[in-house]
Amino acid sequence: MIISHKYKFIFLKTNKTAGTSIEIALSGVCGDDDIISPISPEDEKTRSEPGYRGPQHHLASAREYGIVDVARLLVKGRKKNRFYNHMPASEVKALIPDGTWNNYYKFCFERNPWDRMISLYYWRCKTEPRPSITQFIDSGALKRLKRKGLELYSIDGQIAVDKVCRFENIAAELESIRTQLGITEKLELPHAKS
């Protein structure tokens, strides 16, 4: 998830849509004041290799900590994120000024549902023996996947972004966004995750 004050956009990250690769590419054009959510340590390494910005301005302030957050900090050393990966539009909107939400260009990527399900199947079932596709579907994985898509970029059942980009046209969609936002740098998509 990225909020770029430099280019006035909000990128909401959905699952199984190359979201991490897109986030890495976008972080390469972000400015000092932009909000960039953390990703996995392996993906952070991919992000840092070309010198792109890592996570910044994503942590909660001390006054936002509850008892569980304090315990997690003391026991595990884990700080509380205010902004995070796969953060729903409703939560982002609640944390930023109305002017930012209303005036920034909001976008995400979505994928053909069948392709998305197959991608999830191979990502979750990396080792043999794999369950059959039918068993996988019956396991409830698709219901969880739905929550990681439409529910991330809608509020009260209404799409809350200015554009839902098609994963199948990722290069053209990113180029269109780059041009629309006035980003002069080329957006290079790394291969993050398998």
N, C-alpha and C. Protein backbone atom coordinates (compact mmCIF):
# COMPACT_ATOMS: atom_id res chain seq x y z
N MET A 1 0.85 -1.17 0.00
CA MET A 1 0.00 0.00 0.00
C MET A 1 0.90 1.23 0.00
N ILE A 2 0.58 2.14 -0.87
CA ILE A 2 1.38 3.37 -0.96
C ILE A 2 0.44 4.57 -1.05
N ILE A 3 0.78 5.61 -0.30
CA ILE A 3 0.15 6.92 -0.46
C ILE A 3 1.27 7.87 -0.87
N SER A 4 1.23 8.33 -2.11
CA SER A 4 2.26 9.23 -2.61
C SER A 4 1.75 10.66 -2.62
N HIS A 5 2.33 11.48 -1.74
CA HIS A 5 2.01 12.90 -1.74
C HIS A 5 2.75 13.59 -2.89
N LYS A 6 3.88 13.02 -3.28
CA LYS A 6 4.67 13.57 -4.37
C LYS A 6 3.88 13.55 -5.68
N TYR A 7 3.23 12.42 -5.97
CA TYR A 7 2.47 12.28 -7.22
C TYR A 7 0.96 12.21 -7.01
N LYS A 8 0.52 12.36 -5.76
CA LYS A 8 -0.90 12.40 -5.42
C LYS A 8 -1.66 11.15 -5.89
N PHE A 9 -1.18 9.99 -5.42
CA PHE A 9 -1.91 8.75 -5.69
C PHE A 9 -1.95 7.87 -4.45
N ILE A 10 -2.92 6.97 -4.46
CA ILE A 10 -3.05 5.94 -3.43
C ILE A 10 -3.15 4.61 -4.16
N PHE A 11 -2.21 3.72 -3.89
CA PHE A 11 -2.21 2.38 -4.48
C PHE A 11 -2.66 1.40 -3.41
N LEU A 12 -3.78 0.73 -3.67
CA LEU A 12 -4.28 -0.31 -2.78
C LEU A 12 -3.87 -1.66 -3.36
N LYS A 13 -3.28 -2.47 -2.53
CA LYS A 13 -2.68 -3.72 -2.98
C LYS A 13 -3.62 -4.90 -2.74
N THR A 14 -4.01 -5.56 -3.83
CA THR A 14 -4.85 -6.75 -3.75
C THR A 14 -3.97 -7.99 -3.84
N ASN A 15 -4.56 -9.16 -3.60
CA ASN A 15 -3.80 -10.41 -3.61
C ASN A 15 -3.77 -11.06 -4.99
N LYS A 16 -2.66 -11.71 -5.27
CA LYS A 16 -2.46 -12.50 -6.48
C LYS A 16 -2.65 -11.66 -7.74
N THR A 17 -2.16 -10.41 -7.70
CA THR A 17 -2.27 -9.50 -8.85
C THR A 17 -0.94 -8.80 -9.12
N ALA A 18 0.16 -9.41 -8.73
CA ALA A 18 1.50 -8.82 -8.84
C ALA A 18 1.62 -7.55 -8.00
N GLY A 19 0.83 -7.48 -6.93
CA GLY A 19 0.80 -6.30 -6.08
C GLY A 19 2.14 -5.93 -5.48
N THR A 20 2.91 -6.93 -5.06
CA THR A 20 4.22 -6.65 -4.49
C THR A 20 5.16 -6.08 -5.55
N SER A 21 5.13 -6.64 -6.74
CA SER A 21 5.97 -6.11 -7.82
C SER A 21 5.58 -4.69 -8.18
N ILE A 22 4.28 -4.42 -8.22
CA ILE A 22 3.80 -3.07 -8.52
C ILE A 22 4.22 -2.11 -7.40
N GLU A 23 4.06 -2.55 -6.15
CA GLU A 23 4.45 -1.71 -5.02
C GLU A 23 5.95 -1.39 -5.06
N ILE A 24 6.76 -2.38 -5.41
CA ILE A 24 8.20 -2.15 -5.51
C ILE A 24 8.49 -1.12 -6.61
N ALA A 25 7.86 -1.29 -7.77
CA ALA A 25 8.08 -0.35 -8.88
C ALA A 25 7.66 1.07 -8.49
N LEU A 26 6.51 1.20 -7.84
CA LEU A 26 6.03 2.52 -7.44
C LEU A 26 6.89 3.15 -6.35
N SER A 27 7.46 2.32 -5.48
CA SER A 27 8.29 2.87 -4.40
C SER A 27 9.55 3.52 -4.97
N GLY A 28 9.92 3.15 -6.19
CA GLY A 28 11.07 3.74 -6.84
C GLY A 28 10.88 5.20 -7.23
N VAL A 29 9.63 5.67 -7.26
CA VAL A 29 9.37 7.06 -7.63
C VAL A 29 8.83 7.88 -6.46
N CYS A 30 8.74 7.26 -5.29
CA CYS A 30 8.16 7.94 -4.13
C CYS A 30 9.11 8.98 -3.54
N GLY A 31 8.53 9.93 -2.84
CA GLY A 31 9.29 11.00 -2.20
C GLY A 31 9.45 10.79 -0.71
N ASP A 32 10.11 11.76 -0.08
CA ASP A 32 10.42 11.69 1.35
C ASP A 32 9.18 11.60 2.24
N ASP A 33 8.09 12.22 1.85
CA ASP A 33 6.90 12.29 2.70
C ASP A 33 5.87 11.21 2.40
N ASP A 34 6.14 10.37 1.42
CA ASP A 34 5.18 9.35 1.01
C ASP A 34 5.11 8.21 2.02
N ILE A 35 3.96 7.56 2.08
CA ILE A 35 3.74 6.43 2.98
C ILE A 35 3.90 5.16 2.16
N ILE A 36 4.81 4.30 2.62
CA ILE A 36 5.07 3.03 1.94
C ILE A 36 4.98 1.93 2.99
N SER A 37 4.10 0.96 2.75
CA SER A 37 3.94 -0.12 3.73
C SER A 37 5.07 -1.14 3.58
N PRO A 38 5.39 -1.85 4.66
CA PRO A 38 6.43 -2.87 4.59
C PRO A 38 5.95 -4.11 3.84
N ILE A 39 6.90 -4.83 3.26
CA ILE A 39 6.63 -6.11 2.61
C ILE A 39 7.54 -7.14 3.25
N SER A 40 7.54 -8.36 2.76
CA SER A 40 8.34 -9.41 3.39
C SER A 40 9.83 -9.08 3.30
N PRO A 41 10.64 -9.63 4.21
CA PRO A 41 12.09 -9.36 4.16
C PRO A 41 12.71 -9.70 2.80
N GLU A 42 12.29 -10.81 2.20
CA GLU A 42 12.82 -11.20 0.89
C GLU A 42 12.46 -10.15 -0.17
N ASP A 43 11.21 -9.68 -0.13
CA ASP A 43 10.78 -8.67 -1.10
C ASP A 43 11.41 -7.31 -0.81
N GLU A 44 11.66 -7.02 0.47
CA GLU A 44 12.36 -5.77 0.80
C GLU A 44 13.76 -5.78 0.19
N LYS A 45 14.39 -6.95 0.16
CA LYS A 45 15.71 -7.07 -0.46
C LYS A 45 15.61 -6.74 -1.96
N THR A 46 14.57 -7.28 -2.62
CA THR A 46 14.35 -6.98 -4.03
C THR A 46 14.13 -5.49 -4.23
N ARG A 47 13.39 -4.86 -3.31
CA ARG A 47 13.11 -3.43 -3.41
C ARG A 47 14.37 -2.59 -3.21
N SER A 48 15.24 -3.03 -2.32
CA SER A 48 16.43 -2.22 -2.01
C SER A 48 17.53 -2.36 -3.06
N GLU A 49 17.56 -3.46 -3.81
CA GLU A 49 18.63 -3.69 -4.79
C GLU A 49 18.79 -2.54 -5.79
N PRO A 50 17.70 -2.03 -6.38
CA PRO A 50 17.88 -0.88 -7.29
C PRO A 50 17.92 0.47 -6.57
N GLY A 51 17.89 0.44 -5.24
CA GLY A 51 17.95 1.68 -4.46
C GLY A 51 16.59 2.32 -4.22
N TYR A 52 15.52 1.56 -4.36
CA TYR A 52 14.18 2.10 -4.13
C TYR A 52 13.92 2.28 -2.64
N ARG A 53 13.00 3.17 -2.32
CA ARG A 53 12.64 3.44 -0.93
C ARG A 53 11.98 2.22 -0.30
N GLY A 54 12.34 2.00 0.95
CA GLY A 54 11.71 0.95 1.73
C GLY A 54 10.52 1.52 2.48
N PRO A 55 10.02 0.76 3.45
CA PRO A 55 8.86 1.23 4.21
C PRO A 55 9.18 2.53 4.95
N GLN A 56 8.23 3.44 4.92
CA GLN A 56 8.41 4.72 5.62
C GLN A 56 7.05 5.30 5.98
N HIS A 57 7.01 5.99 7.09
CA HIS A 57 5.80 6.67 7.59
C HIS A 57 4.61 5.73 7.75
N HIS A 58 4.87 4.47 8.03
CA HIS A 58 3.81 3.47 8.13
C HIS A 58 3.51 3.07 9.57
N LEU A 59 4.37 3.45 10.51
CA LEU A 59 4.21 3.00 11.89
C LEU A 59 3.19 3.83 12.66
N ALA A 60 2.52 3.18 13.59
CA ALA A 60 1.57 3.85 14.47
C ALA A 60 2.34 4.68 15.49
N SER A 61 1.73 5.76 15.95
CA SER A 61 2.34 6.56 17.02
C SER A 61 2.10 5.84 18.35
N ALA A 62 2.87 6.19 19.35
CA ALA A 62 2.77 5.53 20.66
C ALA A 62 1.36 5.63 21.23
N ARG A 63 0.66 6.72 20.98
CA ARG A 63 -0.69 6.88 21.54
C ARG A 63 -1.71 5.96 20.87
N GLU A 64 -1.34 5.33 19.75
CA GLU A 64 -2.23 4.39 19.07
C GLU A 64 -2.04 2.95 19.55
N TYR A 65 -1.11 2.75 20.47
CA TYR A 65 -0.82 1.40 20.97
C TYR A 65 -1.84 1.00 22.03
N GLY A 66 -2.34 -0.22 21.90
CA GLY A 66 -3.16 -0.83 22.94
C GLY A 66 -2.29 -1.74 23.78
N ILE A 67 -2.87 -2.40 24.75
CA ILE A 67 -2.12 -3.28 25.64
C ILE A 67 -1.47 -4.43 24.88
N VAL A 68 -2.19 -5.00 23.91
CA VAL A 68 -1.63 -6.10 23.12
C VAL A 68 -0.45 -5.60 22.29
N ASP A 69 -0.56 -4.39 21.74
CA ASP A 69 0.53 -3.82 20.94
C ASP A 69 1.77 -3.59 21.78
N VAL A 70 1.58 -3.10 23.00
CA VAL A 70 2.70 -2.88 23.92
C VAL A 70 3.36 -4.20 24.26
N ALA A 71 2.55 -5.22 24.55
CA ALA A 71 3.09 -6.54 24.88
C ALA A 71 3.88 -7.10 23.70
N ARG A 72 3.34 -6.97 22.49
CA ARG A 72 4.02 -7.47 21.29
C ARG A 72 5.35 -6.74 21.09
N LEU A 73 5.38 -5.45 21.39
CA LEU A 73 6.61 -4.68 21.28
C LEU A 73 7.64 -5.14 22.30
N LEU A 74 7.21 -5.32 23.53
CA LEU A 74 8.13 -5.72 24.60
C LEU A 74 8.63 -7.15 24.44
N VAL A 75 7.74 -8.06 24.05
CA VAL A 75 8.11 -9.48 23.97
C VAL A 75 8.81 -9.81 22.66
N LYS A 76 8.26 -9.32 21.56
CA LYS A 76 8.78 -9.70 20.24
C LYS A 76 9.54 -8.58 19.54
N GLY A 77 9.48 -7.38 20.07
CA GLY A 77 10.15 -6.25 19.43
C GLY A 77 9.45 -5.77 18.18
N ARG A 78 8.18 -6.17 18.01
CA ARG A 78 7.43 -5.80 16.81
C ARG A 78 6.64 -4.52 17.04
N LYS A 79 6.89 -3.54 16.19
CA LYS A 79 6.17 -2.28 16.27
C LYS A 79 4.84 -2.40 15.53
N LYS A 80 3.90 -1.57 15.90
CA LYS A 80 2.57 -1.59 15.29
C LYS A 80 2.56 -0.76 14.00
N ASN A 81 2.06 -1.38 12.94
CA ASN A 81 1.90 -0.66 11.68
C ASN A 81 0.58 0.10 11.68
N ARG A 82 0.64 1.33 11.25
CA ARG A 82 -0.58 2.11 11.05
C ARG A 82 -1.11 1.83 9.64
N PHE A 83 -0.18 1.75 8.70
CA PHE A 83 -0.49 1.41 7.31
C PHE A 83 0.21 0.09 6.99
N TYR A 84 -0.47 -0.80 6.29
CA TYR A 84 0.08 -2.13 6.08
C TYR A 84 -0.34 -2.70 4.73
N ASN A 85 0.32 -3.79 4.39
CA ASN A 85 0.03 -4.56 3.18
C ASN A 85 -1.46 -4.92 3.11
N HIS A 86 -2.05 -4.89 1.95
CA HIS A 86 -3.43 -5.33 1.75
C HIS A 86 -4.41 -4.63 2.70
N MET A 87 -4.18 -3.36 2.91
CA MET A 87 -5.04 -2.57 3.79
C MET A 87 -6.31 -2.17 3.05
N PRO A 88 -7.48 -2.41 3.64
CA PRO A 88 -8.74 -2.06 2.97
C PRO A 88 -8.91 -0.55 2.79
N ALA A 89 -9.58 -0.18 1.72
CA ALA A 89 -9.84 1.23 1.42
C ALA A 89 -10.51 1.94 2.59
N SER A 90 -11.42 1.26 3.26
CA SER A 90 -12.14 1.89 4.38
C SER A 90 -11.19 2.31 5.49
N GLU A 91 -10.17 1.48 5.76
CA GLU A 91 -9.20 1.81 6.81
C GLU A 91 -8.28 2.94 6.37
N VAL A 92 -7.85 2.90 5.12
CA VAL A 92 -6.99 3.98 4.61
C VAL A 92 -7.74 5.30 4.68
N LYS A 93 -8.97 5.30 4.20
CA LYS A 93 -9.78 6.53 4.19
C LYS A 93 -9.95 7.08 5.60
N ALA A 94 -10.12 6.20 6.58
CA ALA A 94 -10.34 6.64 7.96
C ALA A 94 -9.09 7.28 8.58
N LEU A 95 -7.92 6.97 8.05
CA LEU A 95 -6.67 7.45 8.64
C LEU A 95 -6.07 8.69 7.98
N ILE A 96 -6.60 9.08 6.84
CA ILE A 96 -6.01 10.22 6.13
C ILE A 96 -7.04 11.35 6.02
N PRO A 97 -6.56 12.57 5.80
CA PRO A 97 -7.50 13.70 5.65
C PRO A 97 -8.45 13.48 4.47
N ASP A 98 -9.68 13.97 4.62
CA ASP A 98 -10.67 13.84 3.54
C ASP A 98 -10.15 14.41 2.23
N GLY A 99 -9.44 15.53 2.30
CA GLY A 99 -8.91 16.15 1.09
C GLY A 99 -7.94 15.24 0.35
N THR A 100 -7.14 14.51 1.10
CA THR A 100 -6.20 13.57 0.47
C THR A 100 -6.99 12.46 -0.21
N TRP A 101 -7.92 11.86 0.52
CA TRP A 101 -8.70 10.76 -0.04
C TRP A 101 -9.48 11.22 -1.28
N ASN A 102 -10.10 12.38 -1.20
CA ASN A 102 -10.96 12.85 -2.28
C ASN A 102 -10.18 13.35 -3.50
N ASN A 103 -8.96 13.84 -3.30
CA ASN A 103 -8.23 14.46 -4.40
C ASN A 103 -7.12 13.60 -5.00
N TYR A 104 -6.69 12.56 -4.31
CA TYR A 104 -5.64 11.71 -4.85
C TYR A 104 -6.25 10.65 -5.76
N TYR A 105 -5.47 10.26 -6.76
CA TYR A 105 -5.90 9.22 -7.70
C TYR A 105 -5.71 7.86 -7.03
N LYS A 106 -6.80 7.13 -6.88
CA LYS A 106 -6.77 5.84 -6.18
C LYS A 106 -6.91 4.72 -7.20
N PHE A 107 -6.04 3.73 -7.10
CA PHE A 107 -6.11 2.62 -8.04
C PHE A 107 -5.64 1.32 -7.39
N CYS A 108 -6.01 0.24 -8.05
CA CYS A 108 -5.58 -1.10 -7.63
C CYS A 108 -5.57 -1.96 -8.89
N PHE A 109 -5.16 -3.20 -8.72
CA PHE A 109 -5.18 -4.15 -9.83
C PHE A 109 -6.08 -5.32 -9.45
N GLU A 110 -6.78 -5.84 -10.44
CA GLU A 110 -7.62 -7.01 -10.25
C GLU A 110 -7.34 -7.98 -11.39
N ARG A 111 -7.66 -9.22 -11.15
CA ARG A 111 -7.31 -10.29 -12.08
C ARG A 111 -8.55 -11.10 -12.42
N ASN A 112 -8.55 -11.69 -13.60
CA ASN A 112 -9.61 -12.63 -13.96
C ASN A 112 -9.77 -13.61 -12.81
N PRO A 113 -10.98 -13.78 -12.28
CA PRO A 113 -11.17 -14.61 -11.07
C PRO A 113 -10.64 -16.03 -11.20
N TRP A 114 -10.79 -16.64 -12.37
CA TRP A 114 -10.30 -18.01 -12.54
C TRP A 114 -8.78 -18.04 -12.47
N ASP A 115 -8.12 -17.13 -13.17
CA ASP A 115 -6.66 -17.06 -13.13
C ASP A 115 -6.16 -16.77 -11.72
N ARG A 116 -6.87 -15.92 -11.02
CA ARG A 116 -6.49 -15.58 -9.65
C ARG A 116 -6.57 -16.81 -8.74
N MET A 117 -7.62 -17.59 -8.92
CA MET A 117 -7.79 -18.80 -8.12
C MET A 117 -6.69 -19.82 -8.44
N ILE A 118 -6.38 -19.98 -9.71
CA ILE A 118 -5.32 -20.92 -10.11
C ILE A 118 -3.97 -20.45 -9.55
N SER A 119 -3.71 -19.15 -9.62
CA SER A 119 -2.47 -18.60 -9.06
C SER A 119 -2.39 -18.89 -7.57
N LEU A 120 -3.49 -18.67 -6.86
CA LEU A 120 -3.53 -18.95 -5.42
C LEU A 120 -3.29 -20.44 -5.16
N TYR A 121 -3.90 -21.29 -5.96
CA TYR A 121 -3.75 -22.74 -5.81
C TYR A 121 -2.27 -23.13 -5.89
N TYR A 122 -1.58 -22.67 -6.92
CA TYR A 122 -0.17 -23.04 -7.08
C TYR A 122 0.72 -22.38 -6.03
N TRP A 123 0.36 -21.18 -5.58
CA TRP A 123 1.15 -20.51 -4.55
C TRP A 123 0.98 -21.20 -3.20
N ARG A 124 -0.24 -21.60 -2.87
CA ARG A 124 -0.50 -22.25 -1.58
C ARG A 124 -0.08 -23.72 -1.58
N CYS A 125 -0.18 -24.37 -2.71
CA CYS A 125 0.08 -25.81 -2.79
C CYS A 125 1.38 -26.05 -3.54
N LYS A 126 2.48 -25.54 -2.98
CA LYS A 126 3.77 -25.59 -3.66
C LYS A 126 4.36 -27.00 -3.69
N THR A 127 4.04 -27.79 -2.69
CA THR A 127 4.66 -29.11 -2.59
C THR A 127 3.65 -30.21 -2.91
N GLU A 128 4.18 -31.30 -3.36
CA GLU A 128 3.36 -32.49 -3.64
C GLU A 128 3.12 -33.24 -2.34
N PRO A 129 2.09 -33.98 -2.16
CA PRO A 129 0.97 -34.08 -3.10
C PRO A 129 0.03 -32.89 -2.93
N ARG A 130 -0.40 -32.39 -4.06
CA ARG A 130 -1.34 -31.26 -4.05
C ARG A 130 -2.77 -31.80 -3.97
N PRO A 131 -3.65 -31.05 -3.32
CA PRO A 131 -5.06 -31.44 -3.39
C PRO A 131 -5.57 -31.17 -4.80
N SER A 132 -6.65 -31.80 -5.17
CA SER A 132 -7.25 -31.50 -6.47
C SER A 132 -7.80 -30.07 -6.43
N ILE A 133 -8.03 -29.51 -7.60
CA ILE A 133 -8.62 -28.17 -7.67
C ILE A 133 -9.96 -28.16 -6.93
N THR A 134 -10.75 -29.21 -7.12
CA THR A 134 -12.05 -29.30 -6.45
C THR A 134 -11.89 -29.28 -4.94
N GLN A 135 -10.94 -30.06 -4.42
CA GLN A 135 -10.70 -30.07 -2.97
C GLN A 135 -10.26 -28.68 -2.49
N PHE A 136 -9.44 -28.04 -3.27
CA PHE A 136 -8.96 -26.71 -2.92
C PHE A 136 -10.12 -25.71 -2.85
N ILE A 137 -10.98 -25.75 -3.86
CA ILE A 137 -12.14 -24.86 -3.88
C ILE A 137 -13.05 -25.16 -2.69
N ASP A 138 -13.28 -26.45 -2.42
CA ASP A 138 -14.14 -26.85 -1.30
C ASP A 138 -13.56 -26.47 0.06
N SER A 139 -12.26 -26.19 0.11
CA SER A 139 -11.62 -25.85 1.39
C SER A 139 -11.99 -24.45 1.88
N GLY A 140 -12.63 -23.66 1.03
CA GLY A 140 -13.01 -22.30 1.42
C GLY A 140 -11.99 -21.25 1.01
N ALA A 141 -10.96 -21.65 0.28
CA ALA A 141 -9.92 -20.70 -0.13
C ALA A 141 -10.47 -19.56 -0.97
N LEU A 142 -11.49 -19.84 -1.79
CA LEU A 142 -12.04 -18.80 -2.65
C LEU A 142 -12.75 -17.71 -1.85
N LYS A 143 -13.41 -18.08 -0.78
CA LYS A 143 -14.07 -17.07 0.05
C LYS A 143 -13.03 -16.14 0.66
N ARG A 144 -11.92 -16.71 1.12
CA ARG A 144 -10.86 -15.88 1.68
C ARG A 144 -10.24 -15.00 0.59
N LEU A 145 -10.11 -15.54 -0.62
CA LEU A 145 -9.54 -14.77 -1.73
C LEU A 145 -10.44 -13.59 -2.09
N LYS A 146 -11.76 -13.78 -2.06
CA LYS A 146 -12.69 -12.69 -2.35
C LYS A 146 -12.47 -11.54 -1.37
N ARG A 147 -12.25 -11.88 -0.11
CA ARG A 147 -12.03 -10.84 0.89
C ARG A 147 -10.75 -10.06 0.60
N LYS A 148 -9.85 -10.64 -0.14
CA LYS A 148 -8.59 -9.97 -0.44
C LYS A 148 -8.65 -9.23 -1.77
N GLY A 149 -9.81 -9.15 -2.39
CA GLY A 149 -9.96 -8.45 -3.66
C GLY A 149 -10.93 -7.31 -3.51
N LEU A 150 -12.15 -7.54 -3.98
CA LEU A 150 -13.18 -6.50 -3.99
C LEU A 150 -13.33 -5.82 -2.63
N GLU A 151 -13.28 -6.58 -1.56
CA GLU A 151 -13.46 -5.99 -0.24
C GLU A 151 -12.32 -5.03 0.13
N LEU A 152 -11.18 -5.16 -0.53
CA LEU A 152 -10.07 -4.24 -0.26
C LEU A 152 -10.25 -2.89 -0.93
N TYR A 153 -10.90 -2.88 -2.08
CA TYR A 153 -11.02 -1.61 -2.80
C TYR A 153 -12.46 -1.10 -2.89
N SER A 154 -13.32 -1.60 -2.02
CA SER A 154 -14.68 -1.07 -1.95
C SER A 154 -14.99 -0.64 -0.51
N ILE A 155 -15.94 0.26 -0.39
CA ILE A 155 -16.42 0.71 0.92
C ILE A 155 -17.94 0.62 0.87
N ASP A 156 -18.49 -0.10 1.82
CA ASP A 156 -19.95 -0.30 1.88
C ASP A 156 -20.50 -0.82 0.55
N GLY A 157 -19.76 -1.75 -0.07
CA GLY A 157 -20.21 -2.38 -1.30
C GLY A 157 -20.02 -1.56 -2.56
N GLN A 158 -19.46 -0.37 -2.45
CA GLN A 158 -19.23 0.50 -3.61
C GLN A 158 -17.73 0.59 -3.89
N ILE A 159 -17.36 0.46 -5.15
CA ILE A 159 -15.95 0.58 -5.51
C ILE A 159 -15.46 1.97 -5.11
N ALA A 160 -14.36 2.02 -4.37
CA ALA A 160 -13.86 3.26 -3.78
C ALA A 160 -12.63 3.82 -4.47
N VAL A 161 -12.18 3.16 -5.53
CA VAL A 161 -11.00 3.64 -6.25
C VAL A 161 -11.43 4.28 -7.56
N ASP A 162 -10.54 5.09 -8.11
CA ASP A 162 -10.83 5.74 -9.39
C ASP A 162 -10.66 4.77 -10.55
N LYS A 163 -9.77 3.80 -10.37
CA LYS A 163 -9.55 2.83 -11.45
C LYS A 163 -9.18 1.47 -10.88
N VAL A 164 -9.85 0.45 -11.41
CA VAL A 164 -9.48 -0.93 -11.15
C VAL A 164 -8.76 -1.39 -12.41
N CYS A 165 -7.44 -1.49 -12.32
CA CYS A 165 -6.62 -1.86 -13.48
C CYS A 165 -6.67 -3.37 -13.68
N ARG A 166 -6.53 -3.77 -14.91
CA ARG A 166 -6.57 -5.20 -15.23
C ARG A 166 -5.16 -5.79 -15.18
N PHE A 167 -4.99 -6.80 -14.36
CA PHE A 167 -3.72 -7.51 -14.24
C PHE A 167 -3.26 -8.01 -15.61
N GLU A 168 -4.21 -8.47 -16.41
CA GLU A 168 -3.87 -9.03 -17.72
C GLU A 168 -3.22 -8.00 -18.64
N ASN A 169 -3.40 -6.72 -18.36
CA ASN A 169 -2.80 -5.63 -19.15
C ASN A 169 -1.85 -4.80 -18.29
N ILE A 170 -1.12 -5.46 -17.42
CA ILE A 170 -0.35 -4.77 -16.38
C ILE A 170 0.61 -3.71 -16.94
N ALA A 171 1.35 -4.03 -17.99
CA ALA A 171 2.33 -3.07 -18.52
C ALA A 171 1.63 -1.83 -19.08
N ALA A 172 0.58 -2.04 -19.87
CA ALA A 172 -0.15 -0.91 -20.45
C ALA A 172 -0.85 -0.09 -19.37
N GLU A 173 -1.40 -0.76 -18.37
CA GLU A 173 -2.09 -0.06 -17.28
C GLU A 173 -1.10 0.80 -16.49
N LEU A 174 0.06 0.24 -16.17
CA LEU A 174 1.07 1.01 -15.43
C LEU A 174 1.57 2.19 -16.25
N GLU A 175 1.74 2.00 -17.53
CA GLU A 175 2.18 3.10 -18.40
C GLU A 175 1.13 4.20 -18.43
N SER A 176 -0.13 3.83 -18.50
CA SER A 176 -1.21 4.80 -18.49
C SER A 176 -1.23 5.59 -17.18
N ILE A 177 -1.06 4.90 -16.07
CA ILE A 177 -1.03 5.56 -14.76
C ILE A 177 0.18 6.48 -14.66
N ARG A 178 1.33 5.99 -15.11
CA ARG A 178 2.56 6.79 -15.07
C ARG A 178 2.35 8.11 -15.82
N THR A 179 1.78 8.02 -17.01
CA THR A 179 1.53 9.21 -17.83
C THR A 179 0.51 10.13 -17.16
N GLN A 180 -0.58 9.57 -16.69
CA GLN A 180 -1.64 10.36 -16.07
C GLN A 180 -1.15 11.12 -14.84
N LEU A 181 -0.28 10.49 -14.06
CA LEU A 181 0.21 11.11 -12.83
C LEU A 181 1.43 12.01 -13.05
N GLY A 182 1.95 12.04 -14.27
CA GLY A 182 3.10 12.88 -14.56
C GLY A 182 4.41 12.32 -14.02
N ILE A 183 4.47 11.01 -13.87
CA ILE A 183 5.70 10.37 -13.41
C ILE A 183 6.64 10.25 -14.60
N THR A 184 7.82 10.86 -14.49
CA THR A 184 8.74 10.86 -15.62
C THR A 184 9.60 9.59 -15.66
N GLU A 185 9.87 9.01 -14.49
CA GLU A 185 10.68 7.80 -14.45
C GLU A 185 9.89 6.60 -14.97
N LYS A 186 10.60 5.68 -15.60
CA LYS A 186 9.99 4.45 -16.07
C LYS A 186 9.70 3.56 -14.86
N LEU A 187 8.56 2.90 -14.87
CA LEU A 187 8.22 1.98 -13.78
C LEU A 187 8.67 0.57 -14.17
N GLU A 188 9.71 0.10 -13.51
CA GLU A 188 10.28 -1.22 -13.79
C GLU A 188 9.67 -2.25 -12.86
N LEU A 189 9.01 -3.25 -13.42
CA LEU A 189 8.40 -4.30 -12.60
C LEU A 189 9.40 -5.41 -12.33
N PRO A 190 9.79 -5.59 -11.08
CA PRO A 190 10.64 -6.73 -10.75
C PRO A 190 9.77 -7.97 -10.62
N HIS A 191 10.40 -9.12 -10.55
CA HIS A 191 9.65 -10.34 -10.26
C HIS A 191 9.77 -10.60 -8.77
N ALA A 192 8.71 -10.28 -8.04
CA ALA A 192 8.69 -10.53 -6.60
C ALA A 192 7.73 -11.66 -6.33
N LYS A 193 8.12 -12.61 -5.54
CA LYS A 193 7.33 -13.80 -5.21
C LYS A 193 7.27 -14.74 -6.40
N SER A 194 6.79 -15.95 -6.12
CA SER A 194 6.71 -16.92 -7.21
C SER A 194 5.29 -17.30 -7.48
